[in-house]
Amino acid sequence: SFRCVICLDSCPAAGRAALRGCSVESHGSCAQCLGQHLRTKITEGRVTELRCPCFGTDDCAASATDEDIAQWVDEGTGAKYRRFKQMREDPDVRECPSCACLCKPQRKRNRLVLEMTCSSCNSQFCHAHSTLHAPGRKACREHARSEAPPQGAGNCRACPECGILTARVQGCVRLRCQCGANWCWACGQRITAV
């Protein structure tokens, strides 16, 4: 028998579960606890923290593999893991607000095209806001303003190109928005020559 490192119950040795990368015998868990440990991290979107429950002790640096996820969590949680992982690997990917499909934006002249069309349901939505609103920069700015906190609420200014609010804490007054526009914090104007 062994003692589960999560629930501390004494369990039969045949029921010992561990991540593939963990070779420390004392880091075993019961299958139910290991599955719940991984499900909780995935549900919270913490896919970079999928590690052995004893990570950092006994020189353990074991992280969960895709095979571990497939073995220890249900298919729904596994699908959620793959979505979070894909979004983490490519920060340009957005979730369609209509069907929740992951969509990759197009690029034109090395800049993101903010207007996106879902390849699954053909809904059109905004990359910057991940919401359905009228197409075009003007509609994007109007949407950003409608979602903006009241003037004077903090250290935020809207991008002159798309209207996304940006907070500047310190440093240079030249900013680059997630829409790709370069602009000046001091005057609020777009910078065209870089």
N, C-alpha and C. Protein backbone atom coordinates (compact mmCIF):
# COMPACT_ATOMS: atom_id res chain seq x y z
N SER A 1 0.84 -1.19 0.00
CA SER A 1 0.00 0.00 0.00
C SER A 1 0.88 1.25 0.00
N PHE A 2 0.25 2.39 -0.27
CA PHE A 2 0.96 3.67 -0.25
C PHE A 2 0.02 4.73 0.31
N ARG A 3 0.58 5.85 0.70
CA ARG A 3 -0.23 6.96 1.21
C ARG A 3 -0.36 8.02 0.12
N CYS A 4 -1.59 8.35 -0.26
CA CYS A 4 -1.86 9.37 -1.28
C CYS A 4 -1.38 10.72 -0.76
N VAL A 5 -0.57 11.43 -1.57
CA VAL A 5 -0.01 12.71 -1.14
C VAL A 5 -1.06 13.82 -1.11
N ILE A 6 -2.24 13.56 -1.66
CA ILE A 6 -3.29 14.60 -1.69
C ILE A 6 -4.31 14.38 -0.57
N CYS A 7 -4.95 13.19 -0.55
CA CYS A 7 -5.98 12.96 0.48
C CYS A 7 -5.41 12.29 1.74
N LEU A 8 -4.17 11.83 1.66
CA LEU A 8 -3.45 11.19 2.77
C LEU A 8 -4.04 9.85 3.20
N ASP A 9 -4.94 9.28 2.37
CA ASP A 9 -5.48 7.95 2.66
C ASP A 9 -4.45 6.88 2.31
N SER A 10 -4.56 5.75 2.98
CA SER A 10 -3.74 4.59 2.64
C SER A 10 -4.48 3.86 1.52
N CYS A 11 -3.78 3.64 0.41
CA CYS A 11 -4.40 3.05 -0.78
C CYS A 11 -3.63 1.81 -1.21
N PRO A 12 -4.30 0.87 -1.92
CA PRO A 12 -3.59 -0.31 -2.42
C PRO A 12 -2.55 0.10 -3.46
N ALA A 13 -1.41 -0.54 -3.45
CA ALA A 13 -0.29 -0.20 -4.34
C ALA A 13 -0.70 -0.24 -5.81
N ALA A 14 -1.62 -1.13 -6.16
CA ALA A 14 -2.05 -1.25 -7.55
C ALA A 14 -2.80 0.00 -8.02
N GLY A 15 -3.31 0.81 -7.09
CA GLY A 15 -4.06 2.01 -7.45
C GLY A 15 -3.22 3.28 -7.48
N ARG A 16 -1.90 3.14 -7.37
CA ARG A 16 -1.01 4.32 -7.33
C ARG A 16 -1.01 5.01 -8.69
N ALA A 17 -1.20 6.32 -8.68
CA ALA A 17 -1.19 7.13 -9.90
C ALA A 17 -0.13 8.22 -9.75
N ALA A 18 0.55 8.51 -10.85
CA ALA A 18 1.56 9.57 -10.86
C ALA A 18 1.74 10.06 -12.29
N LEU A 19 2.25 11.26 -12.43
CA LEU A 19 2.56 11.77 -13.76
C LEU A 19 3.71 10.98 -14.36
N ARG A 20 3.73 10.85 -15.66
CA ARG A 20 4.76 10.06 -16.35
C ARG A 20 6.17 10.54 -16.02
N GLY A 21 6.36 11.83 -15.84
CA GLY A 21 7.69 12.38 -15.60
C GLY A 21 8.16 12.30 -14.17
N CYS A 22 7.31 11.84 -13.26
CA CYS A 22 7.69 11.77 -11.84
C CYS A 22 8.12 10.36 -11.48
N SER A 23 9.36 10.24 -11.07
CA SER A 23 9.89 8.92 -10.70
C SER A 23 10.05 8.77 -9.19
N VAL A 24 9.60 9.75 -8.42
CA VAL A 24 9.74 9.70 -6.96
C VAL A 24 8.60 8.85 -6.40
N GLU A 25 8.95 7.72 -5.83
CA GLU A 25 7.96 6.75 -5.35
C GLU A 25 6.98 7.37 -4.36
N SER A 26 7.45 8.23 -3.48
CA SER A 26 6.59 8.80 -2.43
C SER A 26 5.62 9.86 -2.96
N HIS A 27 5.67 10.20 -4.26
CA HIS A 27 4.78 11.22 -4.82
C HIS A 27 3.51 10.62 -5.43
N GLY A 28 3.20 9.39 -5.10
CA GLY A 28 2.02 8.74 -5.65
C GLY A 28 0.73 9.29 -5.07
N SER A 29 -0.31 9.27 -5.89
CA SER A 29 -1.65 9.70 -5.49
C SER A 29 -2.63 8.61 -5.88
N CYS A 30 -3.82 8.68 -5.31
CA CYS A 30 -4.86 7.80 -5.82
C CYS A 30 -5.36 8.44 -7.12
N ALA A 31 -5.87 7.64 -8.04
CA ALA A 31 -6.27 8.12 -9.36
C ALA A 31 -7.31 9.24 -9.25
N GLN A 32 -8.25 9.11 -8.34
CA GLN A 32 -9.29 10.12 -8.18
C GLN A 32 -8.68 11.47 -7.78
N CYS A 33 -7.74 11.47 -6.87
CA CYS A 33 -7.11 12.72 -6.42
C CYS A 33 -6.25 13.35 -7.51
N LEU A 34 -5.48 12.53 -8.23
CA LEU A 34 -4.64 13.09 -9.29
C LEU A 34 -5.51 13.69 -10.39
N GLY A 35 -6.58 12.98 -10.76
CA GLY A 35 -7.51 13.52 -11.76
C GLY A 35 -8.12 14.83 -11.31
N GLN A 36 -8.55 14.91 -10.05
CA GLN A 36 -9.15 16.14 -9.53
C GLN A 36 -8.13 17.27 -9.47
N HIS A 37 -6.90 16.96 -9.10
CA HIS A 37 -5.82 17.95 -9.07
C HIS A 37 -5.65 18.58 -10.46
N LEU A 38 -5.59 17.75 -11.49
CA LEU A 38 -5.41 18.25 -12.86
C LEU A 38 -6.66 18.98 -13.35
N ARG A 39 -7.86 18.43 -13.08
CA ARG A 39 -9.12 19.08 -13.50
C ARG A 39 -9.25 20.48 -12.91
N THR A 40 -8.90 20.63 -11.64
CA THR A 40 -9.00 21.94 -10.99
C THR A 40 -8.11 22.96 -11.67
N LYS A 41 -6.86 22.60 -11.92
CA LYS A 41 -5.93 23.53 -12.58
C LYS A 41 -6.45 23.91 -13.97
N ILE A 42 -6.93 22.92 -14.72
CA ILE A 42 -7.42 23.18 -16.08
C ILE A 42 -8.65 24.06 -16.04
N THR A 43 -9.60 23.76 -15.17
CA THR A 43 -10.83 24.55 -15.07
C THR A 43 -10.52 26.00 -14.72
N GLU A 44 -9.50 26.22 -13.92
CA GLU A 44 -9.09 27.58 -13.56
C GLU A 44 -8.22 28.23 -14.63
N GLY A 45 -7.94 27.51 -15.73
CA GLY A 45 -7.14 28.07 -16.82
C GLY A 45 -5.65 28.10 -16.52
N ARG A 46 -5.21 27.37 -15.54
CA ARG A 46 -3.80 27.39 -15.12
C ARG A 46 -3.03 26.24 -15.77
N VAL A 47 -3.06 26.19 -17.11
CA VAL A 47 -2.47 25.07 -17.83
C VAL A 47 -0.95 25.05 -17.77
N THR A 48 -0.32 26.13 -17.35
CA THR A 48 1.14 26.12 -17.19
C THR A 48 1.54 25.57 -15.83
N GLU A 49 0.57 25.29 -14.97
CA GLU A 49 0.84 24.80 -13.62
C GLU A 49 0.43 23.35 -13.44
N LEU A 50 0.35 22.60 -14.52
CA LEU A 50 -0.04 21.19 -14.44
C LEU A 50 1.19 20.36 -14.10
N ARG A 51 1.43 20.25 -12.82
CA ARG A 51 2.65 19.59 -12.33
C ARG A 51 2.30 18.52 -11.31
N CYS A 52 3.31 17.76 -10.96
CA CYS A 52 3.18 16.78 -9.89
C CYS A 52 2.70 17.53 -8.64
N PRO A 53 1.77 16.95 -7.86
CA PRO A 53 1.32 17.61 -6.63
C PRO A 53 2.47 17.93 -5.67
N CYS A 54 3.59 17.22 -5.80
CA CYS A 54 4.76 17.46 -4.93
C CYS A 54 5.87 18.19 -5.66
N PHE A 55 5.53 18.88 -6.73
CA PHE A 55 6.51 19.61 -7.54
C PHE A 55 7.38 20.48 -6.63
N GLY A 56 8.69 20.39 -6.84
CA GLY A 56 9.62 21.20 -6.05
C GLY A 56 10.19 20.49 -4.84
N THR A 57 9.57 19.39 -4.43
CA THR A 57 10.14 18.62 -3.32
C THR A 57 10.87 17.42 -3.89
N ASP A 58 11.87 16.96 -3.19
CA ASP A 58 12.67 15.81 -3.64
C ASP A 58 13.21 16.00 -5.06
N ASP A 59 13.53 17.25 -5.41
CA ASP A 59 14.03 17.59 -6.75
C ASP A 59 13.06 17.21 -7.86
N CYS A 60 11.77 17.18 -7.57
CA CYS A 60 10.77 16.82 -8.57
C CYS A 60 10.44 18.03 -9.45
N ALA A 61 10.54 17.84 -10.75
CA ALA A 61 10.21 18.89 -11.71
C ALA A 61 9.23 18.36 -12.75
N ALA A 62 8.44 17.35 -12.37
CA ALA A 62 7.55 16.70 -13.33
C ALA A 62 6.35 17.56 -13.67
N SER A 63 6.14 17.76 -14.96
CA SER A 63 4.96 18.45 -15.47
C SER A 63 4.11 17.45 -16.23
N ALA A 64 2.81 17.71 -16.27
CA ALA A 64 1.90 16.81 -16.98
C ALA A 64 2.12 16.89 -18.48
N THR A 65 2.09 15.75 -19.12
CA THR A 65 2.18 15.68 -20.58
C THR A 65 0.77 15.59 -21.15
N ASP A 66 0.66 15.72 -22.46
CA ASP A 66 -0.64 15.55 -23.11
C ASP A 66 -1.19 14.15 -22.82
N GLU A 67 -0.31 13.16 -22.75
CA GLU A 67 -0.72 11.79 -22.45
C GLU A 67 -1.26 11.68 -21.02
N ASP A 68 -0.63 12.39 -20.07
CA ASP A 68 -1.13 12.40 -18.69
C ASP A 68 -2.55 12.98 -18.66
N ILE A 69 -2.74 14.08 -19.37
CA ILE A 69 -4.06 14.72 -19.39
C ILE A 69 -5.09 13.75 -19.95
N ALA A 70 -4.77 13.10 -21.07
CA ALA A 70 -5.70 12.15 -21.69
C ALA A 70 -6.03 10.99 -20.74
N GLN A 71 -5.06 10.57 -19.95
CA GLN A 71 -5.26 9.44 -19.05
C GLN A 71 -6.06 9.81 -17.80
N TRP A 72 -5.83 10.99 -17.23
CA TRP A 72 -6.37 11.28 -15.90
C TRP A 72 -7.57 12.22 -15.85
N VAL A 73 -7.96 12.84 -16.97
CA VAL A 73 -9.14 13.71 -16.93
C VAL A 73 -10.16 13.26 -17.97
N ASP A 74 -11.40 13.68 -17.80
CA ASP A 74 -12.46 13.33 -18.74
C ASP A 74 -12.28 14.09 -20.06
N GLU A 75 -12.99 13.68 -21.10
CA GLU A 75 -12.82 14.26 -22.43
C GLU A 75 -13.17 15.76 -22.46
N GLY A 76 -14.21 16.16 -21.73
CA GLY A 76 -14.58 17.58 -21.70
C GLY A 76 -13.48 18.45 -21.12
N THR A 77 -12.87 17.99 -20.04
CA THR A 77 -11.76 18.73 -19.43
C THR A 77 -10.54 18.68 -20.34
N GLY A 78 -10.34 17.55 -21.01
CA GLY A 78 -9.23 17.44 -21.96
C GLY A 78 -9.38 18.44 -23.10
N ALA A 79 -10.61 18.61 -23.59
CA ALA A 79 -10.87 19.58 -24.66
C ALA A 79 -10.60 21.00 -24.16
N LYS A 80 -11.01 21.27 -22.93
CA LYS A 80 -10.75 22.59 -22.35
C LYS A 80 -9.25 22.83 -22.23
N TYR A 81 -8.50 21.82 -21.82
CA TYR A 81 -7.04 21.91 -21.72
C TYR A 81 -6.43 22.26 -23.08
N ARG A 82 -6.87 21.55 -24.13
CA ARG A 82 -6.32 21.81 -25.47
C ARG A 82 -6.63 23.23 -25.93
N ARG A 83 -7.82 23.74 -25.60
CA ARG A 83 -8.19 25.11 -25.98
C ARG A 83 -7.31 26.12 -25.25
N PHE A 84 -7.18 25.97 -23.93
CA PHE A 84 -6.34 26.88 -23.15
C PHE A 84 -4.89 26.83 -23.62
N LYS A 85 -4.42 25.63 -23.92
CA LYS A 85 -3.04 25.46 -24.37
C LYS A 85 -2.83 26.17 -25.71
N GLN A 86 -3.78 26.01 -26.63
CA GLN A 86 -3.67 26.66 -27.93
C GLN A 86 -3.71 28.18 -27.79
N MET A 87 -4.57 28.69 -26.93
CA MET A 87 -4.67 30.13 -26.72
C MET A 87 -3.39 30.67 -26.07
N ARG A 88 -2.78 29.87 -25.23
CA ARG A 88 -1.54 30.30 -24.58
C ARG A 88 -0.38 30.31 -25.57
N GLU A 89 -0.35 29.31 -26.45
CA GLU A 89 0.73 29.21 -27.43
C GLU A 89 0.62 30.27 -28.52
N ASP A 90 -0.60 30.70 -28.84
CA ASP A 90 -0.80 31.72 -29.87
C ASP A 90 -1.74 32.79 -29.32
N PRO A 91 -1.19 33.88 -28.76
CA PRO A 91 -2.02 34.90 -28.14
C PRO A 91 -2.93 35.65 -29.11
N ASP A 92 -2.74 35.46 -30.43
CA ASP A 92 -3.62 36.09 -31.41
C ASP A 92 -4.94 35.34 -31.58
N VAL A 93 -5.00 34.09 -31.16
CA VAL A 93 -6.21 33.28 -31.30
C VAL A 93 -7.31 33.87 -30.41
N ARG A 94 -8.53 33.90 -30.94
CA ARG A 94 -9.68 34.38 -30.17
C ARG A 94 -10.79 33.35 -30.23
N GLU A 95 -11.63 33.37 -29.21
CA GLU A 95 -12.78 32.50 -29.15
C GLU A 95 -13.97 33.22 -29.76
N CYS A 96 -14.66 32.56 -30.69
CA CYS A 96 -15.84 33.16 -31.32
C CYS A 96 -16.91 33.36 -30.25
N PRO A 97 -17.47 34.56 -30.13
CA PRO A 97 -18.50 34.80 -29.11
C PRO A 97 -19.82 34.09 -29.40
N SER A 98 -19.99 33.58 -30.63
CA SER A 98 -21.24 32.89 -30.97
C SER A 98 -21.18 31.39 -30.71
N CYS A 99 -20.09 30.74 -31.18
CA CYS A 99 -20.05 29.27 -31.09
C CYS A 99 -18.89 28.75 -30.25
N ALA A 100 -18.04 29.63 -29.72
CA ALA A 100 -16.90 29.28 -28.87
C ALA A 100 -15.79 28.54 -29.62
N CYS A 101 -15.82 28.55 -30.95
CA CYS A 101 -14.75 27.96 -31.75
C CYS A 101 -13.53 28.87 -31.68
N LEU A 102 -12.33 28.30 -31.71
CA LEU A 102 -11.11 29.11 -31.71
C LEU A 102 -10.81 29.57 -33.13
N CYS A 103 -10.53 30.86 -33.28
CA CYS A 103 -10.30 31.45 -34.59
C CYS A 103 -8.97 32.18 -34.61
N LYS A 104 -8.28 32.08 -35.72
CA LYS A 104 -7.00 32.76 -35.90
C LYS A 104 -7.24 33.94 -36.83
N PRO A 105 -6.77 35.13 -36.45
CA PRO A 105 -6.99 36.31 -37.29
C PRO A 105 -6.12 36.29 -38.54
N GLN A 106 -6.55 37.03 -39.52
CA GLN A 106 -5.75 37.21 -40.73
C GLN A 106 -4.79 38.36 -40.51
N ARG A 107 -3.77 38.41 -41.35
CA ARG A 107 -2.81 39.52 -41.32
C ARG A 107 -2.78 40.15 -42.70
N LYS A 108 -2.69 41.46 -42.68
CA LYS A 108 -2.56 42.21 -43.92
C LYS A 108 -1.38 43.16 -43.74
N ARG A 109 -0.40 43.07 -44.61
CA ARG A 109 0.82 43.88 -44.50
C ARG A 109 1.41 43.77 -43.10
N ASN A 110 1.49 42.54 -42.60
CA ASN A 110 2.10 42.22 -41.31
C ASN A 110 1.37 42.83 -40.11
N ARG A 111 0.12 43.22 -40.29
CA ARG A 111 -0.70 43.74 -39.18
C ARG A 111 -1.94 42.87 -39.04
N LEU A 112 -2.39 42.70 -37.81
CA LEU A 112 -3.61 41.94 -37.58
C LEU A 112 -4.80 42.65 -38.18
N VAL A 113 -5.68 41.88 -38.81
CA VAL A 113 -6.96 42.41 -39.28
C VAL A 113 -7.92 42.22 -38.11
N LEU A 114 -8.45 43.32 -37.58
CA LEU A 114 -9.28 43.24 -36.38
C LEU A 114 -10.63 42.58 -36.64
N GLU A 115 -11.17 42.73 -37.84
CA GLU A 115 -12.46 42.11 -38.16
C GLU A 115 -12.22 40.64 -38.47
N MET A 116 -12.84 39.78 -37.68
CA MET A 116 -12.64 38.34 -37.84
C MET A 116 -13.95 37.69 -38.24
N THR A 117 -13.86 36.59 -39.00
CA THR A 117 -15.01 35.79 -39.37
C THR A 117 -14.74 34.36 -38.92
N CYS A 118 -15.65 33.83 -38.14
CA CYS A 118 -15.50 32.46 -37.63
C CYS A 118 -15.65 31.47 -38.79
N SER A 119 -14.72 30.55 -38.90
CA SER A 119 -14.77 29.57 -39.98
C SER A 119 -15.85 28.51 -39.74
N SER A 120 -16.36 28.41 -38.51
CA SER A 120 -17.39 27.42 -38.21
C SER A 120 -18.80 27.95 -38.39
N CYS A 121 -19.08 29.15 -37.87
CA CYS A 121 -20.46 29.66 -37.91
C CYS A 121 -20.61 30.94 -38.73
N ASN A 122 -19.52 31.46 -39.28
CA ASN A 122 -19.50 32.68 -40.09
C ASN A 122 -19.88 33.95 -39.34
N SER A 123 -19.90 33.92 -38.02
CA SER A 123 -20.14 35.14 -37.25
C SER A 123 -18.95 36.07 -37.43
N GLN A 124 -19.24 37.37 -37.51
CA GLN A 124 -18.17 38.35 -37.60
C GLN A 124 -18.03 39.01 -36.24
N PHE A 125 -16.78 39.12 -35.79
CA PHE A 125 -16.53 39.72 -34.49
C PHE A 125 -15.20 40.42 -34.50
N CYS A 126 -14.96 41.16 -33.43
CA CYS A 126 -13.78 42.01 -33.32
C CYS A 126 -12.66 41.28 -32.57
N HIS A 127 -11.47 41.25 -33.14
CA HIS A 127 -10.31 40.63 -32.50
C HIS A 127 -9.96 41.35 -31.21
N ALA A 128 -10.02 42.67 -31.23
CA ALA A 128 -9.60 43.46 -30.07
C ALA A 128 -10.51 43.26 -28.87
N HIS A 129 -11.81 43.12 -29.11
CA HIS A 129 -12.76 43.04 -28.00
C HIS A 129 -13.37 41.66 -27.83
N SER A 130 -13.17 40.77 -28.80
CA SER A 130 -13.78 39.43 -28.79
C SER A 130 -15.29 39.52 -28.63
N THR A 131 -15.89 40.52 -29.26
CA THR A 131 -17.34 40.70 -29.19
C THR A 131 -17.90 40.94 -30.58
N LEU A 132 -19.20 40.71 -30.70
CA LEU A 132 -19.90 41.01 -31.94
C LEU A 132 -20.26 42.48 -31.91
N HIS A 133 -19.71 43.25 -32.81
CA HIS A 133 -20.15 44.63 -33.01
C HIS A 133 -19.96 44.96 -34.46
N ALA A 134 -20.54 46.06 -34.89
CA ALA A 134 -20.46 46.43 -36.31
C ALA A 134 -19.00 46.46 -36.77
N PRO A 135 -18.75 46.07 -38.03
CA PRO A 135 -17.38 46.08 -38.54
C PRO A 135 -16.84 47.49 -38.74
N GLY A 136 -15.53 47.61 -38.76
CA GLY A 136 -14.88 48.88 -39.04
C GLY A 136 -14.26 49.51 -37.81
N ARG A 137 -13.24 50.35 -38.06
CA ARG A 137 -12.50 51.01 -36.98
C ARG A 137 -13.41 51.93 -36.16
N LYS A 138 -14.31 52.64 -36.84
CA LYS A 138 -15.18 53.58 -36.13
C LYS A 138 -16.07 52.82 -35.14
N ALA A 139 -16.67 51.74 -35.58
CA ALA A 139 -17.52 50.94 -34.69
C ALA A 139 -16.70 50.36 -33.54
N CYS A 140 -15.45 49.99 -33.84
CA CYS A 140 -14.56 49.44 -32.82
C CYS A 140 -14.28 50.51 -31.74
N ARG A 141 -13.99 51.72 -32.18
CA ARG A 141 -13.73 52.82 -31.23
C ARG A 141 -14.98 53.11 -30.40
N GLU A 142 -16.15 53.13 -31.05
CA GLU A 142 -17.40 53.40 -30.33
C GLU A 142 -17.67 52.30 -29.29
N HIS A 143 -17.42 51.06 -29.67
CA HIS A 143 -17.61 49.96 -28.71
C HIS A 143 -16.66 50.11 -27.53
N ALA A 144 -15.40 50.43 -27.81
CA ALA A 144 -14.41 50.60 -26.73
C ALA A 144 -14.83 51.73 -25.80
N ARG A 145 -15.32 52.80 -26.37
CA ARG A 145 -15.76 53.93 -25.52
C ARG A 145 -16.97 53.55 -24.68
N SER A 146 -17.88 52.76 -25.24
CA SER A 146 -19.07 52.36 -24.48
C SER A 146 -18.72 51.43 -23.33
N GLU A 147 -17.62 50.69 -23.47
CA GLU A 147 -17.17 49.78 -22.43
C GLU A 147 -16.17 50.43 -21.48
N ALA A 148 -15.75 51.64 -21.81
CA ALA A 148 -14.68 52.30 -21.05
C ALA A 148 -15.18 52.77 -19.69
N PRO A 149 -14.29 52.77 -18.70
CA PRO A 149 -14.64 53.36 -17.41
C PRO A 149 -14.79 54.87 -17.57
N PRO A 150 -15.45 55.54 -16.65
CA PRO A 150 -15.61 56.98 -16.76
C PRO A 150 -14.26 57.70 -16.85
N GLN A 151 -14.26 58.85 -17.53
CA GLN A 151 -13.04 59.65 -17.65
C GLN A 151 -12.45 59.91 -16.27
N GLY A 152 -11.15 59.88 -16.20
CA GLY A 152 -10.48 60.12 -14.94
C GLY A 152 -10.36 58.87 -14.08
N ALA A 153 -10.93 57.75 -14.58
CA ALA A 153 -10.85 56.51 -13.81
C ALA A 153 -9.53 55.83 -14.10
N GLY A 154 -8.53 56.22 -13.39
CA GLY A 154 -7.24 55.57 -13.54
C GLY A 154 -6.36 56.22 -14.59
N ASN A 155 -5.36 55.49 -14.96
CA ASN A 155 -4.29 55.97 -15.81
C ASN A 155 -4.45 55.39 -17.22
N CYS A 156 -5.65 55.47 -17.82
CA CYS A 156 -5.93 54.82 -19.10
C CYS A 156 -6.22 55.84 -20.19
N ARG A 157 -5.82 55.47 -21.41
CA ARG A 157 -6.16 56.24 -22.61
C ARG A 157 -6.51 55.26 -23.71
N ALA A 158 -7.34 55.70 -24.64
CA ALA A 158 -7.77 54.85 -25.74
C ALA A 158 -6.81 54.95 -26.92
N CYS A 159 -6.54 53.82 -27.54
CA CYS A 159 -5.73 53.79 -28.77
C CYS A 159 -6.47 54.60 -29.83
N PRO A 160 -5.79 55.51 -30.55
CA PRO A 160 -6.46 56.31 -31.57
C PRO A 160 -6.92 55.49 -32.77
N GLU A 161 -6.40 54.28 -32.92
CA GLU A 161 -6.75 53.44 -34.06
C GLU A 161 -7.99 52.59 -33.79
N CYS A 162 -8.00 51.88 -32.64
CA CYS A 162 -9.09 50.93 -32.39
C CYS A 162 -9.90 51.24 -31.13
N GLY A 163 -9.39 52.12 -30.28
CA GLY A 163 -10.13 52.50 -29.08
C GLY A 163 -9.88 51.63 -27.86
N ILE A 164 -9.00 50.65 -27.96
CA ILE A 164 -8.69 49.80 -26.80
C ILE A 164 -8.02 50.64 -25.72
N LEU A 165 -8.50 50.51 -24.49
CA LEU A 165 -7.91 51.26 -23.39
C LEU A 165 -6.55 50.67 -23.02
N THR A 166 -5.60 51.56 -22.78
CA THR A 166 -4.25 51.17 -22.42
C THR A 166 -3.84 51.93 -21.17
N ALA A 167 -3.24 51.22 -20.23
CA ALA A 167 -2.72 51.85 -19.03
C ALA A 167 -1.20 51.97 -19.17
N ARG A 168 -0.68 53.14 -18.92
CA ARG A 168 0.77 53.34 -18.95
C ARG A 168 1.23 53.56 -17.52
N VAL A 169 2.09 52.70 -17.04
CA VAL A 169 2.58 52.80 -15.68
C VAL A 169 3.84 53.64 -15.63
N GLN A 170 4.77 53.37 -16.53
CA GLN A 170 6.02 54.13 -16.59
C GLN A 170 6.67 53.87 -17.93
N GLY A 171 7.76 54.56 -18.20
CA GLY A 171 8.53 54.32 -19.42
C GLY A 171 8.20 55.28 -20.54
N CYS A 172 8.56 54.86 -21.73
CA CYS A 172 8.45 55.66 -22.94
C CYS A 172 6.99 56.03 -23.24
N VAL A 173 6.78 57.17 -23.89
CA VAL A 173 5.43 57.59 -24.27
C VAL A 173 4.99 56.96 -25.58
N ARG A 174 5.89 56.27 -26.27
CA ARG A 174 5.53 55.59 -27.51
C ARG A 174 4.98 54.21 -27.14
N LEU A 175 3.74 53.94 -27.53
CA LEU A 175 3.08 52.69 -27.20
C LEU A 175 2.74 51.91 -28.46
N ARG A 176 2.63 50.61 -28.31
CA ARG A 176 2.17 49.76 -29.41
C ARG A 176 0.95 49.00 -28.90
N CYS A 177 -0.17 49.21 -29.57
CA CYS A 177 -1.43 48.58 -29.18
C CYS A 177 -1.48 47.14 -29.69
N GLN A 178 -2.36 46.33 -29.11
CA GLN A 178 -2.51 44.96 -29.59
C GLN A 178 -3.08 44.90 -30.99
N CYS A 179 -3.68 46.01 -31.48
CA CYS A 179 -4.16 46.04 -32.87
C CYS A 179 -3.02 46.30 -33.84
N GLY A 180 -1.83 46.64 -33.32
CA GLY A 180 -0.66 46.87 -34.16
C GLY A 180 -0.32 48.33 -34.36
N ALA A 181 -1.19 49.23 -33.93
CA ALA A 181 -0.95 50.66 -34.11
C ALA A 181 0.09 51.16 -33.11
N ASN A 182 0.98 52.04 -33.58
CA ASN A 182 1.92 52.74 -32.71
C ASN A 182 1.33 54.12 -32.45
N TRP A 183 1.37 54.56 -31.19
CA TRP A 183 0.81 55.87 -30.88
C TRP A 183 1.50 56.50 -29.69
N CYS A 184 1.30 57.81 -29.57
CA CYS A 184 1.96 58.61 -28.55
C CYS A 184 1.02 58.82 -27.36
N TRP A 185 1.49 58.44 -26.19
CA TRP A 185 0.70 58.62 -24.97
C TRP A 185 0.49 60.11 -24.67
N ALA A 186 1.50 60.92 -24.90
CA ALA A 186 1.44 62.35 -24.54
C ALA A 186 0.40 63.11 -25.36
N CYS A 187 0.39 62.90 -26.69
CA CYS A 187 -0.53 63.67 -27.53
C CYS A 187 -1.72 62.86 -28.02
N GLY A 188 -1.67 61.54 -27.87
CA GLY A 188 -2.78 60.70 -28.28
C GLY A 188 -2.87 60.46 -29.78
N GLN A 189 -1.83 60.85 -30.53
CA GLN A 189 -1.85 60.71 -31.98
C GLN A 189 -1.15 59.44 -32.42
N ARG A 190 -1.56 58.95 -33.57
CA ARG A 190 -0.93 57.78 -34.17
C ARG A 190 0.46 58.14 -34.66
N ILE A 191 1.42 57.24 -34.49
CA ILE A 191 2.78 57.43 -34.99
C ILE A 191 2.90 56.56 -36.24
N THR A 192 3.20 57.19 -37.37
CA THR A 192 3.29 56.43 -38.62
C THR A 192 4.72 56.08 -38.97
N ALA A 193 5.69 56.96 -38.68
CA ALA A 193 7.10 56.67 -38.95
C ALA A 193 7.71 56.05 -37.71
N VAL A 194 8.23 54.84 -37.86
CA VAL A 194 8.78 54.14 -36.70
C VAL A 194 10.28 54.20 -36.70
